[in-house]
Amino acid sequence: MKNLQQMQQIMKQVQQIQEQLQKHLDDLVVEASAGGGMVTVRMNGQKHLVAVRVEREVFASGDAEMLQDLIQAAVNEAARKVDEQLASRVGGLAGGLNLPGL
C-alpha cells in the first residue's frame, strides 16, 4: 500500500513538472545571429522561427549562397540555444522531484 501511495505521489510530481516544462516551452524565445549580425533569427521553444531579419548590405552583395549560409548558421545557433535553455530548465525542474527510496 505504501509503494502505491509513493508511486501516485511520484506520478503527480511528474505531471506538475510536465506542465511547468510546457509553460517554459511556450514562454521561451531565443535570438541568434550570423555574419556579425547580418542575419538575425528569433525562435520559440517549439523550434519555430518567429522572426528573421536580414541587413540590407547582404542583399547589396548579390551573393545568394552567402545569404543562405548565414540564415542556416543563425537558425542552427538558435536551435542550439533552445536545446541549451530547455536542458537547463529541465534539470532545474527535475531537481525538485522528490523520489523516496531512491
PDB file of N, CA and C in Angstrom:
ATOM      1  N   MET A   1       0.827  -1.189   0.000  1.00  0.00           N
ATOM      2  CA  MET A   1       0.000   0.000   0.000  1.00  0.00           C
ATOM      3  C   MET A   1       0.874   1.257   0.000  1.00  0.00           C
ATOM      4  N   LYS A   2       1.950   1.208   0.777  1.00  0.00           N
ATOM      5  CA  LYS A   2       2.840   2.353   0.860  1.00  0.00           C
ATOM      6  C   LYS A   2       3.499   2.610  -0.498  1.00  0.00           C
ATOM      7  N   ASN A   3       3.889   1.542  -1.206  1.00  0.00           N
ATOM      8  CA  ASN A   3       4.506   1.703  -2.524  1.00  0.00           C
ATOM      9  C   ASN A   3       3.542   2.332  -3.519  1.00  0.00           C
ATOM     10  N   LEU A   4       2.275   1.975  -3.447  1.00  0.00           N
ATOM     11  CA  LEU A   4       1.261   2.541  -4.333  1.00  0.00           C
ATOM     12  C   LEU A   4       1.112   4.050  -4.070  1.00  0.00           C
ATOM     13  N   GLN A   5       1.102   4.440  -2.818  1.00  0.00           N
ATOM     14  CA  GLN A   5       0.990   5.857  -2.472  1.00  0.00           C
ATOM     15  C   GLN A   5       2.216   6.625  -2.964  1.00  0.00           C
ATOM     16  N   GLN A   6       3.397   6.019  -2.810  1.00  0.00           N
ATOM     17  CA  GLN A   6       4.621   6.660  -3.287  1.00  0.00           C
ATOM     18  C   GLN A   6       4.581   6.822  -4.808  1.00  0.00           C
ATOM     19  N   MET A   7       4.104   5.797  -5.502  1.00  0.00           N
ATOM     20  CA  MET A   7       4.024   5.847  -6.950  1.00  0.00           C
ATOM     21  C   MET A   7       3.046   6.936  -7.396  1.00  0.00           C
ATOM     22  N   GLN A   8       1.928   7.045  -6.714  1.00  0.00           N
ATOM     23  CA  GLN A   8       0.956   8.088  -7.049  1.00  0.00           C
ATOM     24  C   GLN A   8       1.553   9.474  -6.816  1.00  0.00           C
ATOM     25  N   GLN A   9       2.293   9.612  -5.730  1.00  0.00           N
ATOM     26  CA  GLN A   9       2.932  10.887  -5.421  1.00  0.00           C
ATOM     27  C   GLN A   9       3.958  11.232  -6.513  1.00  0.00           C
ATOM     28  N   ILE A  10       4.739  10.263  -6.933  1.00  0.00           N
ATOM     29  CA  ILE A  10       5.739  10.483  -7.982  1.00  0.00           C
ATOM     30  C   ILE A  10       5.056  10.869  -9.285  1.00  0.00           C
ATOM     31  N   MET A  11       3.985  10.191  -9.632  1.00  0.00           N
ATOM     32  CA  MET A  11       3.267  10.492 -10.875  1.00  0.00           C
ATOM     33  C   MET A  11       2.693  11.912 -10.841  1.00  0.00           C
ATOM     34  N   LYS A  12       2.207  12.324  -9.676  1.00  0.00           N
ATOM     35  CA  LYS A  12       1.682  13.681  -9.534  1.00  0.00           C
ATOM     36  C   LYS A  12       2.802  14.703  -9.739  1.00  0.00           C
ATOM     37  N   GLN A  13       3.976  14.437  -9.172  1.00  0.00           N
ATOM     38  CA  GLN A  13       5.122  15.336  -9.328  1.00  0.00           C
ATOM     39  C   GLN A  13       5.569  15.401 -10.789  1.00  0.00           C
ATOM     40  N   VAL A  14       5.581  14.244 -11.450  1.00  0.00           N
ATOM     41  CA  VAL A  14       5.970  14.203 -12.862  1.00  0.00           C
ATOM     42  C   VAL A  14       4.995  15.025 -13.702  1.00  0.00           C
ATOM     43  N   GLN A  15       3.714  14.921 -13.409  1.00  0.00           N
ATOM     44  CA  GLN A  15       2.703  15.693 -14.143  1.00  0.00           C
ATOM     45  C   GLN A  15       2.915  17.193 -13.926  1.00  0.00           C
ATOM     46  N   GLN A  16       3.236  17.588 -12.714  1.00  0.00           N
ATOM     47  CA  GLN A  16       3.492  19.002 -12.433  1.00  0.00           C
ATOM     48  C   GLN A  16       4.718  19.497 -13.199  1.00  0.00           C
ATOM     49  N   ILE A  17       5.753  18.669 -13.235  1.00  0.00           N
ATOM     50  CA  ILE A  17       6.962  19.029 -13.976  1.00  0.00           C
ATOM     51  C   ILE A  17       6.644  19.154 -15.458  1.00  0.00           C
ATOM     52  N   GLN A  18       5.854  18.248 -15.975  1.00  0.00           N
ATOM     53  CA  GLN A  18       5.461  18.283 -17.385  1.00  0.00           C
ATOM     54  C   GLN A  18       4.702  19.581 -17.699  1.00  0.00           C
ATOM     55  N   GLU A  19       3.803  19.977 -16.830  1.00  0.00           N
ATOM     56  CA  GLU A  19       3.048  21.218 -17.020  1.00  0.00           C
ATOM     57  C   GLU A  19       3.971  22.436 -16.976  1.00  0.00           C
ATOM     58  N   GLN A  20       4.924  22.430 -16.042  1.00  0.00           N
ATOM     59  CA  GLN A  20       5.869  23.546 -15.943  1.00  0.00           C
ATOM     60  C   GLN A  20       6.752  23.612 -17.187  1.00  0.00           C
ATOM     61  N   LEU A  21       7.186  22.450 -17.674  1.00  0.00           N
ATOM     62  CA  LEU A  21       8.025  22.406 -18.866  1.00  0.00           C
ATOM     63  C   LEU A  21       7.266  22.954 -20.071  1.00  0.00           C
ATOM     64  N   GLN A  22       6.006  22.601 -20.211  1.00  0.00           N
ATOM     65  CA  GLN A  22       5.198  23.118 -21.322  1.00  0.00           C
ATOM     66  C   GLN A  22       5.089  24.636 -21.240  1.00  0.00           C
ATOM     67  N   LYS A  23       4.938  25.158 -20.032  1.00  0.00           N
ATOM     68  CA  LYS A  23       4.876  26.622 -19.870  1.00  0.00           C
ATOM     69  C   LYS A  23       6.206  27.250 -20.275  1.00  0.00           C
ATOM     70  N   HIS A  24       7.309  26.616 -19.901  1.00  0.00           N
ATOM     71  CA  HIS A  24       8.627  27.125 -20.300  1.00  0.00           C
ATOM     72  C   HIS A  24       8.759  27.130 -21.821  1.00  0.00           C
ATOM     73  N   LEU A  25       8.286  26.064 -22.465  1.00  0.00           N
ATOM     74  CA  LEU A  25       8.341  25.999 -23.925  1.00  0.00           C
ATOM     75  C   LEU A  25       7.543  27.143 -24.543  1.00  0.00           C
ATOM     76  N   ASP A  26       6.373  27.398 -23.985  1.00  0.00           N
ATOM     77  CA  ASP A  26       5.508  28.454 -24.507  1.00  0.00           C
ATOM     78  C   ASP A  26       6.122  29.837 -24.319  1.00  0.00           C
ATOM     79  N   ASP A  27       6.860  30.035 -23.237  1.00  0.00           N
ATOM     80  CA  ASP A  27       7.421  31.348 -22.910  1.00  0.00           C
ATOM     81  C   ASP A  27       8.803  31.600 -23.519  1.00  0.00           C
ATOM     82  N   LEU A  28       9.498  30.536 -23.903  1.00  0.00           N
ATOM     83  CA  LEU A  28      10.885  30.658 -24.352  1.00  0.00           C
ATOM     84  C   LEU A  28      10.986  31.248 -25.758  1.00  0.00           C
ATOM     85  N   VAL A  29      11.826  32.257 -25.912  1.00  0.00           N
ATOM     86  CA  VAL A  29      12.185  32.804 -27.223  1.00  0.00           C
ATOM     87  C   VAL A  29      13.674  33.119 -27.160  1.00  0.00           C
ATOM     88  N   VAL A  30      14.425  32.607 -28.138  1.00  0.00           N
ATOM     89  CA  VAL A  30      15.866  32.889 -28.197  1.00  0.00           C
ATOM     90  C   VAL A  30      16.159  33.654 -29.483  1.00  0.00           C
ATOM     91  N   GLU A  31      17.296  34.333 -29.473  1.00  0.00           N
ATOM     92  CA  GLU A  31      17.735  35.068 -30.654  1.00  0.00           C
ATOM     93  C   GLU A  31      19.159  34.649 -30.968  1.00  0.00           C
ATOM     94  N   ALA A  32      19.442  34.490 -32.255  1.00  0.00           N
ATOM     95  CA  ALA A  32      20.789  34.139 -32.688  1.00  0.00           C
ATOM     96  C   ALA A  32      21.075  34.875 -33.987  1.00  0.00           C
ATOM     97  N   SER A  33      22.360  35.155 -34.206  1.00  0.00           N
ATOM     98  CA  SER A  33      22.725  35.857 -35.437  1.00  0.00           C
ATOM     99  C   SER A  33      23.954  35.210 -36.042  1.00  0.00           C
ATOM    100  N   ALA A  34      24.202  35.570 -37.303  1.00  0.00           N
ATOM    101  CA  ALA A  34      25.371  35.081 -38.026  1.00  0.00           C
ATOM    102  C   ALA A  34      25.911  36.223 -38.872  1.00  0.00           C
ATOM    103  N   GLY A  35      27.164  36.082 -39.254  1.00  0.00           N
ATOM    104  CA  GLY A  35      27.775  37.111 -40.087  1.00  0.00           C
ATOM    105  C   GLY A  35      27.912  38.440 -39.388  1.00  0.00           C
ATOM    106  N   GLY A  36      28.199  38.398 -38.109  1.00  0.00           N
ATOM    107  CA  GLY A  36      28.350  39.643 -37.358  1.00  0.00           C
ATOM    108  C   GLY A  36      27.066  40.441 -37.274  1.00  0.00           C
ATOM    109  N   GLY A  37      25.935  39.744 -37.233  1.00  0.00           N
ATOM    110  CA  GLY A  37      24.652  40.416 -37.113  1.00  0.00           C
ATOM    111  C   GLY A  37      23.979  40.691 -38.454  1.00  0.00           C
ATOM    112  N   MET A  38      24.569  40.194 -39.531  1.00  0.00           N
ATOM    113  CA  MET A  38      23.968  40.414 -40.853  1.00  0.00           C
ATOM    114  C   MET A  38      22.626  39.693 -40.981  1.00  0.00           C
ATOM    115  N   VAL A  39      22.506  38.535 -40.333  1.00  0.00           N
ATOM    116  CA  VAL A  39      21.243  37.787 -40.293  1.00  0.00           C
ATOM    117  C   VAL A  39      20.948  37.477 -38.837  1.00  0.00           C
ATOM    118  N   THR A  40      19.737  37.789 -38.395  1.00  0.00           N
ATOM    119  CA  THR A  40      19.317  37.507 -37.026  1.00  0.00           C
ATOM    120  C   THR A  40      17.971  36.797 -37.079  1.00  0.00           C
ATOM    121  N   VAL A  41      17.846  35.738 -36.266  1.00  0.00           N
ATOM    122  CA  VAL A  41      16.586  34.998 -36.203  1.00  0.00           C
ATOM    123  C   VAL A  41      16.137  34.904 -34.755  1.00  0.00           C
ATOM    124  N   ARG A  42      14.819  34.793 -34.584  1.00  0.00           N
ATOM    125  CA  ARG A  42      14.222  34.531 -33.273  1.00  0.00           C
ATOM    126  C   ARG A  42      13.448  33.231 -33.408  1.00  0.00           C
ATOM    127  N   MET A  43      13.598  32.369 -32.391  1.00  0.00           N
ATOM    128  CA  MET A  43      12.987  31.046 -32.401  1.00  0.00           C
ATOM    129  C   MET A  43      12.324  30.811 -31.056  1.00  0.00           C
ATOM    130  N   ASN A  44      11.149  30.177 -31.082  1.00  0.00           N
ATOM    131  CA  ASN A  44      10.471  29.884 -29.820  1.00  0.00           C
ATOM    132  C   ASN A  44      10.870  28.499 -29.299  1.00  0.00           C
ATOM    133  N   GLY A  45      10.333  28.137 -28.159  1.00  0.00           N
ATOM    134  CA  GLY A  45      10.672  26.870 -27.519  1.00  0.00           C
ATOM    135  C   GLY A  45      10.230  25.645 -28.288  1.00  0.00           C
ATOM    136  N   GLN A  46       9.340  25.817 -29.251  1.00  0.00           N
ATOM    137  CA  GLN A  46       8.903  24.715 -30.106  1.00  0.00           C
ATOM    138  C   GLN A  46       9.801  24.603 -31.341  1.00  0.00           C
ATOM    139  N   LYS A  47      10.844  25.415 -31.399  1.00  0.00           N
ATOM    140  CA  LYS A  47      11.788  25.496 -32.512  1.00  0.00           C
ATOM    141  C   LYS A  47      11.117  25.964 -33.803  1.00  0.00           C
ATOM    142  N   HIS A  48      10.166  26.867 -33.645  1.00  0.00           N
ATOM    143  CA  HIS A  48       9.558  27.524 -34.802  1.00  0.00           C
ATOM    144  C   HIS A  48      10.177  28.906 -34.925  1.00  0.00           C
ATOM    145  N   LEU A  49      10.559  29.275 -36.137  1.00  0.00           N
ATOM    146  CA  LEU A  49      11.078  30.619 -36.351  1.00  0.00           C
ATOM    147  C   LEU A  49       9.935  31.607 -36.182  1.00  0.00           C
ATOM    148  N   VAL A  50      10.167  32.641 -35.420  1.00  0.00           N
ATOM    149  CA  VAL A  50       9.144  33.664 -35.233  1.00  0.00           C
ATOM    150  C   VAL A  50       9.547  34.986 -35.886  1.00  0.00           C
ATOM    151  N   ALA A  51      10.822  35.123 -36.243  1.00  0.00           N
ATOM    152  CA  ALA A  51      11.274  36.328 -36.926  1.00  0.00           C
ATOM    153  C   ALA A  51      12.613  36.071 -37.612  1.00  0.00           C
ATOM    154  N   VAL A  52      12.798  36.714 -38.761  1.00  0.00           N
ATOM    155  CA  VAL A  52      14.071  36.679 -39.491  1.00  0.00           C
ATOM    156  C   VAL A  52      14.357  38.114 -39.929  1.00  0.00           C
ATOM    157  N   ARG A  53      15.565  38.571 -39.621  1.00  0.00           N
ATOM    158  CA  ARG A  53      15.966  39.919 -40.049  1.00  0.00           C
ATOM    159  C   ARG A  53      17.269  39.803 -40.842  1.00  0.00           C
ATOM    160  N   VAL A  54      17.281  40.387 -42.040  1.00  0.00           N
ATOM    161  CA  VAL A  54      18.462  40.377 -42.898  1.00  0.00           C
ATOM    162  C   VAL A  54      18.833  41.826 -43.173  1.00  0.00           C
ATOM    163  N   GLU A  55      20.069  42.178 -42.871  1.00  0.00           N
ATOM    164  CA  GLU A  55      20.540  43.541 -43.115  1.00  0.00           C
ATOM    165  C   GLU A  55      20.656  43.792 -44.620  1.00  0.00           C
ATOM    166  N   ARG A  56      20.398  45.002 -45.022  1.00  0.00           N
ATOM    167  CA  ARG A  56      20.399  45.378 -46.445  1.00  0.00           C
ATOM    168  C   ARG A  56      21.734  45.099 -47.142  1.00  0.00           C
ATOM    169  N   GLU A  57      22.828  45.217 -46.412  1.00  0.00           N
ATOM    170  CA  GLU A  57      24.148  45.010 -47.022  1.00  0.00           C
ATOM    171  C   GLU A  57      24.281  43.614 -47.625  1.00  0.00           C
ATOM    172  N   VAL A  58      23.590  42.633 -47.038  1.00  0.00           N
ATOM    173  CA  VAL A  58      23.662  41.268 -47.558  1.00  0.00           C
ATOM    174  C   VAL A  58      23.073  41.226 -48.964  1.00  0.00           C
ATOM    175  N   PHE A  59      21.991  41.942 -49.172  1.00  0.00           N
ATOM    176  CA  PHE A  59      21.358  41.966 -50.494  1.00  0.00           C
ATOM    177  C   PHE A  59      22.226  42.719 -51.504  1.00  0.00           C
ATOM    178  N   ALA A  60      22.916  43.738 -51.033  1.00  0.00           N
ATOM    179  CA  ALA A  60      23.745  44.556 -51.926  1.00  0.00           C
ATOM    180  C   ALA A  60      24.842  43.729 -52.580  1.00  0.00           C
ATOM    181  N   SER A  61      25.323  42.719 -51.861  1.00  0.00           N
ATOM    182  CA  SER A  61      26.399  41.896 -52.413  1.00  0.00           C
ATOM    183  C   SER A  61      25.899  40.997 -53.538  1.00  0.00           C
ATOM    184  N   GLY A  62      24.608  40.691 -53.534  1.00  0.00           N
ATOM    185  CA  GLY A  62      24.048  39.819 -54.564  1.00  0.00           C
ATOM    186  C   GLY A  62      24.485  38.367 -54.421  1.00  0.00           C
ATOM    187  N   ASP A  63      25.090  38.028 -53.305  1.00  0.00           N
ATOM    188  CA  ASP A  63      25.605  36.671 -53.084  1.00  0.00           C
ATOM    189  C   ASP A  63      24.548  35.818 -52.388  1.00  0.00           C
ATOM    190  N   ALA A  64      23.738  35.135 -53.162  1.00  0.00           N
ATOM    191  CA  ALA A  64      22.650  34.315 -52.616  1.00  0.00           C
ATOM    192  C   ALA A  64      23.187  33.175 -51.762  1.00  0.00           C
ATOM    193  N   GLU A  65      24.289  32.577 -52.168  1.00  0.00           N
ATOM    194  CA  GLU A  65      24.857  31.463 -51.408  1.00  0.00           C
ATOM    195  C   GLU A  65      25.292  31.920 -50.011  1.00  0.00           C
ATOM    196  N   MET A  66      25.875  33.109 -49.926  1.00  0.00           N
ATOM    197  CA  MET A  66      26.278  33.639 -48.621  1.00  0.00           C
ATOM    198  C   MET A  66      25.044  33.857 -47.744  1.00  0.00           C
ATOM    199  N   LEU A  67      23.977  34.421 -48.308  1.00  0.00           N
ATOM    200  CA  LEU A  67      22.748  34.643 -47.552  1.00  0.00           C
ATOM    201  C   LEU A  67      22.190  33.326 -47.040  1.00  0.00           C
ATOM    202  N   GLN A  68      22.172  32.324 -47.886  1.00  0.00           N
ATOM    203  CA  GLN A  68      21.685  31.003 -47.468  1.00  0.00           C
ATOM    204  C   GLN A  68      22.518  30.455 -46.323  1.00  0.00           C
ATOM    205  N   ASP A  69      23.834  30.585 -46.417  1.00  0.00           N
ATOM    206  CA  ASP A  69      24.727  30.099 -45.362  1.00  0.00           C
ATOM    207  C   ASP A  69      24.498  30.842 -44.046  1.00  0.00           C
ATOM    208  N   LEU A  70      24.308  32.158 -44.134  1.00  0.00           N
ATOM    209  CA  LEU A  70      24.085  32.955 -42.922  1.00  0.00           C
ATOM    210  C   LEU A  70      22.763  32.581 -42.260  1.00  0.00           C
ATOM    211  N   ILE A  71      21.718  32.394 -43.047  1.00  0.00           N
ATOM    212  CA  ILE A  71      20.429  32.001 -42.481  1.00  0.00           C
ATOM    213  C   ILE A  71      20.545  30.632 -41.827  1.00  0.00           C
ATOM    214  N   GLN A  72      21.181  29.707 -42.508  1.00  0.00           N
ATOM    215  CA  GLN A  72      21.353  28.366 -41.961  1.00  0.00           C
ATOM    216  C   GLN A  72      22.135  28.406 -40.643  1.00  0.00           C
ATOM    217  N   ALA A  73      23.201  29.170 -40.610  1.00  0.00           N
ATOM    218  CA  ALA A  73      24.017  29.266 -39.391  1.00  0.00           C
ATOM    219  C   ALA A  73      23.218  29.882 -38.245  1.00  0.00           C
ATOM    220  N   ALA A  74      22.461  30.923 -38.525  1.00  0.00           N
ATOM    221  CA  ALA A  74      21.676  31.586 -37.474  1.00  0.00           C
ATOM    222  C   ALA A  74      20.589  30.659 -36.946  1.00  0.00           C
ATOM    223  N   VAL A  75      19.911  29.944 -37.835  1.00  0.00           N
ATOM    224  CA  VAL A  75      18.855  29.019 -37.412  1.00  0.00           C
ATOM    225  C   VAL A  75      19.451  27.883 -36.579  1.00  0.00           C
ATOM    226  N   ASN A  76      20.571  27.334 -37.011  1.00  0.00           N
ATOM    227  CA  ASN A  76      21.204  26.258 -36.246  1.00  0.00           C
ATOM    228  C   ASN A  76      21.642  26.732 -34.869  1.00  0.00           C
ATOM    229  N   GLU A  77      22.157  27.951 -34.779  1.00  0.00           N
ATOM    230  CA  GLU A  77      22.567  28.505 -33.481  1.00  0.00           C
ATOM    231  C   GLU A  77      21.353  28.728 -32.584  1.00  0.00           C
ATOM    232  N   ALA A  78      20.259  29.200 -33.153  1.00  0.00           N
ATOM    233  CA  ALA A  78      19.039  29.399 -32.364  1.00  0.00           C
ATOM    234  C   ALA A  78      18.527  28.053 -31.838  1.00  0.00           C
ATOM    235  N   ALA A  79      18.537  27.026 -32.660  1.00  0.00           N
ATOM    236  CA  ALA A  79      18.091  25.697 -32.225  1.00  0.00           C
ATOM    237  C   ALA A  79      18.984  25.177 -31.092  1.00  0.00           C
ATOM    238  N   ARG A  80      20.287  25.424 -31.208  1.00  0.00           N
ATOM    239  CA  ARG A  80      21.213  25.012 -30.138  1.00  0.00           C
ATOM    240  C   ARG A  80      20.890  25.746 -28.846  1.00  0.00           C
ATOM    241  N   LYS A  81      20.575  27.038 -28.955  1.00  0.00           N
ATOM    242  CA  LYS A  81      20.239  27.824 -27.764  1.00  0.00           C
ATOM    243  C   LYS A  81      18.941  27.322 -27.118  1.00  0.00           C
ATOM    244  N   VAL A  82      17.958  26.951 -27.939  1.00  0.00           N
ATOM    245  CA  VAL A  82      16.711  26.398 -27.390  1.00  0.00           C
ATOM    246  C   VAL A  82      17.027  25.123 -26.622  1.00  0.00           C
ATOM    247  N   ASP A  83      17.809  24.223 -27.217  1.00  0.00           N
ATOM    248  CA  ASP A  83      18.171  22.965 -26.552  1.00  0.00           C
ATOM    249  C   ASP A  83      18.888  23.230 -25.233  1.00  0.00           C
ATOM    250  N   GLU A  84      19.802  24.194 -25.251  1.00  0.00           N
ATOM    251  CA  GLU A  84      20.574  24.541 -24.058  1.00  0.00           C
ATOM    252  C   GLU A  84      19.653  25.070 -22.951  1.00  0.00           C
ATOM    253  N   GLN A  85      18.756  25.963 -23.314  1.00  0.00           N
ATOM    254  CA  GLN A  85      17.825  26.533 -22.337  1.00  0.00           C
ATOM    255  C   GLN A  85      16.907  25.454 -21.758  1.00  0.00           C
ATOM    256  N   LEU A  86      16.400  24.585 -22.618  1.00  0.00           N
ATOM    257  CA  LEU A  86      15.495  23.536 -22.157  1.00  0.00           C
ATOM    258  C   LEU A  86      16.209  22.552 -21.244  1.00  0.00           C
ATOM    259  N   ALA A  87      17.441  22.181 -21.602  1.00  0.00           N
ATOM    260  CA  ALA A  87      18.206  21.260 -20.765  1.00  0.00           C
ATOM    261  C   ALA A  87      18.419  21.857 -19.379  1.00  0.00           C
ATOM    262  N   SER A  88      18.718  23.141 -19.345  1.00  0.00           N
ATOM    263  CA  SER A  88      18.921  23.829 -18.076  1.00  0.00           C
ATOM    264  C   SER A  88      17.638  23.849 -17.255  1.00  0.00           C
ATOM    265  N   ARG A  89      16.542  24.154 -17.908  1.00  0.00           N
ATOM    266  CA  ARG A  89      15.259  24.254 -17.197  1.00  0.00           C
ATOM    267  C   ARG A  89      14.757  22.876 -16.762  1.00  0.00           C
ATOM    268  N   VAL A  90      14.941  21.865 -17.596  1.00  0.00           N
ATOM    269  CA  VAL A  90      14.510  20.515 -17.231  1.00  0.00           C
ATOM    270  C   VAL A  90      15.323  20.032 -16.038  1.00  0.00           C
ATOM    271  N   GLY A  91      16.620  20.310 -16.058  1.00  0.00           N
ATOM    272  CA  GLY A  91      17.457  19.929 -14.925  1.00  0.00           C
ATOM    273  C   GLY A  91      16.995  20.584 -13.641  1.00  0.00           C
ATOM    274  N   GLY A  92      16.626  21.850 -13.733  1.00  0.00           N
ATOM    275  CA  GLY A  92      16.133  22.559 -12.557  1.00  0.00           C
ATOM    276  C   GLY A  92      14.805  22.009 -12.064  1.00  0.00           C
ATOM    277  N   LEU A  93      13.925  21.668 -12.994  1.00  0.00           N
ATOM    278  CA  LEU A  93      12.620  21.123 -12.627  1.00  0.00           C
ATOM    279  C   LEU A  93      12.774  19.722 -12.038  1.00  0.00           C
ATOM    280  N   ALA A  94      13.584  18.889 -12.672  1.00  0.00           N
ATOM    281  CA  ALA A  94      13.753  17.516 -12.217  1.00  0.00           C
ATOM    282  C   ALA A  94      14.467  17.466 -10.865  1.00  0.00           C
ATOM    283  N   GLY A  95      15.268  18.495 -10.586  1.00  0.00           N
ATOM    284  CA  GLY A  95      15.948  18.551  -9.302  1.00  0.00           C
ATOM    285  C   GLY A  95      14.965  18.665  -8.143  1.00  0.00           C
ATOM    286  N   GLY A  96      13.776  19.172  -8.427  1.00  0.00           N
ATOM    287  CA  GLY A  96      12.755  19.306  -7.393  1.00  0.00           C
ATOM    288  C   GLY A  96      11.908  18.058  -7.218  1.00  0.00           C
ATOM    289  N   LEU A  97      12.173  17.043  -8.027  1.00  0.00           N
ATOM    290  CA  LEU A  97      11.406  15.798  -7.941  1.00  0.00           C
ATOM    291  C   LEU A  97      11.847  15.033  -6.706  1.00  0.00           C
ATOM    292  N   ASN A  98      10.920  14.743  -5.843  1.00  0.00           N
ATOM    293  CA  ASN A  98      11.212  14.024  -4.593  1.00  0.00           C
ATOM    294  C   ASN A  98      10.927  12.546  -4.819  1.00  0.00           C
ATOM    295  N   LEU A  99      11.983  11.767  -4.959  1.00  0.00           N
ATOM    296  CA  LEU A  99      11.823  10.326  -5.201  1.00  0.00           C
ATOM    297  C   LEU A  99      12.199   9.562  -3.944  1.00  0.00           C
ATOM    298  N   PRO A 100      11.219   9.207  -3.131  1.00  0.00           N
ATOM    299  CA  PRO A 100      11.506   8.498  -1.891  1.00  0.00           C
ATOM    300  C   PRO A 100      12.106   7.128  -2.175  1.00  0.00           C
ATOM    301  N   GLY A 101      13.104   6.764  -1.416  1.00  0.00           N
ATOM    302  CA  GLY A 101      13.696   5.438  -1.526  1.00  0.00           C
ATOM    303  C   GLY A 101      14.680   5.293  -2.657  1.00  0.00           C
ATOM    304  N   LEU A 102      14.965   6.370  -3.397  1.00  0.00           N
ATOM    305  CA  LEU A 102      15.926   6.256  -4.489  1.00  0.00           C
ATOM    306  C   LEU A 102      17.179   7.037  -4.167  1.00  0.00           C
TER     307      LEU A 102
END
